[in-house]
C-alpha atoms as a PDB file:
ATOM      1  CA  UNK A   1      69.236  53.054  68.708  1.00  0.00           C
ATOM      2  CA  UNK A   2      66.099  51.508  67.367  1.00  0.00           C
ATOM      3  CA  UNK A   3      67.914  50.024  64.238  1.00  0.00           C
ATOM      4  CA  UNK A   4      69.762  47.668  66.715  1.00  0.00           C
ATOM      5  CA  UNK A   5      66.710  46.364  68.502  1.00  0.00           C
ATOM      6  CA  UNK A   6      64.534  43.755  66.708  1.00  0.00           C
ATOM      7  CA  UNK A   7      60.846  44.605  66.416  1.00  0.00           C
ATOM      8  CA  UNK A   8      59.494  42.185  69.051  1.00  0.00           C
ATOM      9  CA  UNK A   9      57.082  42.501  71.953  1.00  0.00           C
ATOM     10  CA  UNK A  10      57.493  44.636  74.980  1.00  0.00           C
ATOM     11  CA  UNK A  11      60.617  44.735  77.075  1.00  0.00           C
ATOM     12  CA  UNK A  12      60.319  43.992  80.773  1.00  0.00           C
ATOM     13  CA  UNK A  13      62.605  46.298  82.941  1.00  0.00           C
ATOM     14  CA  UNK A  14      62.734  45.514  86.601  1.00  0.00           C
ATOM     15  CA  UNK A  15      64.279  47.603  89.348  1.00  0.00           C
ATOM     16  CA  UNK A  16      65.001  46.547  92.902  1.00  0.00           C
ATOM     17  CA  UNK A  17      66.772  48.444  95.559  1.00  0.00           C
ATOM     18  CA  UNK A  18      70.425  48.213  94.346  1.00  0.00           C
ATOM     19  CA  UNK A  19      72.454  51.177  93.718  1.00  0.00           C
ATOM     20  CA  UNK A  20      72.691  52.549  90.358  1.00  0.00           C
ATOM     21  CA  UNK A  21      69.163  54.054  89.759  1.00  0.00           C
ATOM     22  CA  UNK A  22      70.452  56.333  87.141  1.00  0.00           C
ATOM     23  CA  UNK A  23      71.598  53.372  84.949  1.00  0.00           C
ATOM     24  CA  UNK A  24      68.119  51.764  85.131  1.00  0.00           C
ATOM     25  CA  UNK A  25      66.394  55.066  84.447  1.00  0.00           C
ATOM     26  CA  UNK A  26      68.631  55.736  81.409  1.00  0.00           C
ATOM     27  CA  UNK A  27      67.890  52.302  79.965  1.00  0.00           C
ATOM     28  CA  UNK A  28      64.141  53.151  80.428  1.00  0.00           C
ATOM     29  CA  UNK A  29      64.722  56.460  78.656  1.00  0.00           C
ATOM     30  CA  UNK A  30      66.488  54.915  75.856  1.00  0.00           C
ATOM     31  CA  UNK A  31      63.857  52.235  75.461  1.00  0.00           C
ATOM     32  CA  UNK A  32      60.961  54.615  75.373  1.00  0.00           C
ATOM     33  CA  UNK A  33      62.956  57.012  72.937  1.00  0.00           C
ATOM     34  CA  UNK A  34      63.371  54.173  70.651  1.00  0.00           C
ATOM     35  CA  UNK A  35      59.728  53.629  70.544  1.00  0.00           C
ATOM     36  CA  UNK A  36      59.831  50.279  72.336  1.00  0.00           C
ATOM     37  CA  UNK A  37      57.053  49.238  74.757  1.00  0.00           C
ATOM     38  CA  UNK A  38      58.197  48.722  78.186  1.00  0.00           C
ATOM     39  CA  UNK A  39      56.770  46.860  81.195  1.00  0.00           C
ATOM     40  CA  UNK A  40      58.474  48.522  84.222  1.00  0.00           C
ATOM     41  CA  UNK A  41      58.472  46.494  87.458  1.00  0.00           C
ATOM     42  CA  UNK A  42      59.488  48.662  90.502  1.00  0.00           C
ATOM     43  CA  UNK A  43      59.914  47.565  94.064  1.00  0.00           C
ATOM     44  CA  UNK A  44      59.441  49.848  96.928  1.00  0.00           C
ATOM     45  CA  UNK A  45      63.152  49.877  97.732  1.00  0.00           C
ATOM     46  CA  UNK A  46      63.831  50.932  94.060  1.00  0.00           C
ATOM     47  CA  UNK A  47      61.628  53.971  94.638  1.00  0.00           C
ATOM     48  CA  UNK A  48      63.641  54.923  97.694  1.00  0.00           C
ATOM     49  CA  UNK A  49      66.811  54.482  95.930  1.00  0.00           C
ATOM     50  CA  UNK A  50      65.673  56.513  92.854  1.00  0.00           C
ATOM     51  CA  UNK A  51      64.716  59.220  95.376  1.00  0.00           C
ATOM     52  CA  UNK A  52      68.073  59.092  97.119  1.00  0.00           C
ATOM     53  CA  UNK A  53      70.184  58.913  93.906  1.00  0.00           C
ATOM     54  CA  UNK A  54      68.281  61.212  91.471  1.00  0.00           C
ATOM     55  CA  UNK A  55      66.053  64.193  91.484  1.00  0.00           C
ATOM     56  CA  UNK A  56      63.183  62.174  90.265  1.00  0.00           C
ATOM     57  CA  UNK A  57      60.656  61.854  92.970  1.00  0.00           C
ATOM     58  CA  UNK A  58      58.035  59.011  92.128  1.00  0.00           C
ATOM     59  CA  UNK A  59      54.668  58.897  93.719  1.00  0.00           C
ATOM     60  CA  UNK A  60      53.684  55.656  95.701  1.00  0.00           C
ATOM     61  CA  UNK A  61      50.920  54.004  93.296  1.00  0.00           C
ATOM     62  CA  UNK A  62      51.972  52.450  90.094  1.00  0.00           C
ATOM     63  CA  UNK A  63      49.337  54.388  88.059  1.00  0.00           C
ATOM     64  CA  UNK A  64      50.704  57.655  89.353  1.00  0.00           C
ATOM     65  CA  UNK A  65      54.341  56.466  88.772  1.00  0.00           C
ATOM     66  CA  UNK A  66      53.335  55.695  85.210  1.00  0.00           C
ATOM     67  CA  UNK A  67      51.867  59.257  84.662  1.00  0.00           C
ATOM     68  CA  UNK A  68      54.735  60.848  86.113  1.00  0.00           C
ATOM     69  CA  UNK A  69      57.311  58.844  83.886  1.00  0.00           C
ATOM     70  CA  UNK A  70      55.040  59.360  80.721  1.00  0.00           C
ATOM     71  CA  UNK A  71      55.275  63.156  81.455  1.00  0.00           C
ATOM     72  CA  UNK A  72      58.947  62.996  82.428  1.00  0.00           C
ATOM     73  CA  UNK A  73      60.101  61.144  79.411  1.00  0.00           C
ATOM     74  CA  UNK A  74      57.399  62.510  77.095  1.00  0.00           C
ATOM     75  CA  UNK A  75      56.505  59.189  75.645  1.00  0.00           C
ATOM     76  CA  UNK A  76      53.344  57.672  73.956  1.00  0.00           C
ATOM     77  CA  UNK A  77      51.106  56.579  77.000  1.00  0.00           C
ATOM     78  CA  UNK A  78      50.605  53.175  75.217  1.00  0.00           C
ATOM     79  CA  UNK A  79      54.433  52.463  75.574  1.00  0.00           C
ATOM     80  CA  UNK A  80      54.676  52.150  79.312  1.00  0.00           C
ATOM     81  CA  UNK A  81      53.162  49.949  81.761  1.00  0.00           C
ATOM     82  CA  UNK A  82      54.189  50.158  85.454  1.00  0.00           C
ATOM     83  CA  UNK A  83      53.780  47.440  88.026  1.00  0.00           C
ATOM     84  CA  UNK A  84      54.155  47.806  91.806  1.00  0.00           C
ATOM     85  CA  UNK A  85      55.755  45.028  93.753  1.00  0.00           C
ATOM     86  CA  UNK A  86      52.544  43.271  94.543  1.00  0.00           C
ATOM     87  CA  UNK A  87      51.600  42.876  90.905  1.00  0.00           C
ATOM     88  CA  UNK A  88      54.681  40.933  89.671  1.00  0.00           C
ATOM     89  CA  UNK A  89      52.908  37.477  89.508  1.00  0.00           C
END
């Protein structure tokens, strides 16, 4: 996959509360697996949908979510930043 992505800055991936959490999480996994840095924006509604539609249970605080995702996807900690809904500006 990495040969298809130009080597540019981080990719911003946002998830709201819409159904289809597994697609967003799969995209996150593919980007991290390809070595891309990701800035992940996550609403509270998205956290609820992720919990309902997958077996991934994310904690409440962005820094704890980041640690959980780093462990879950076994990625380099420098690749992933997680922002809560109040940090999007």
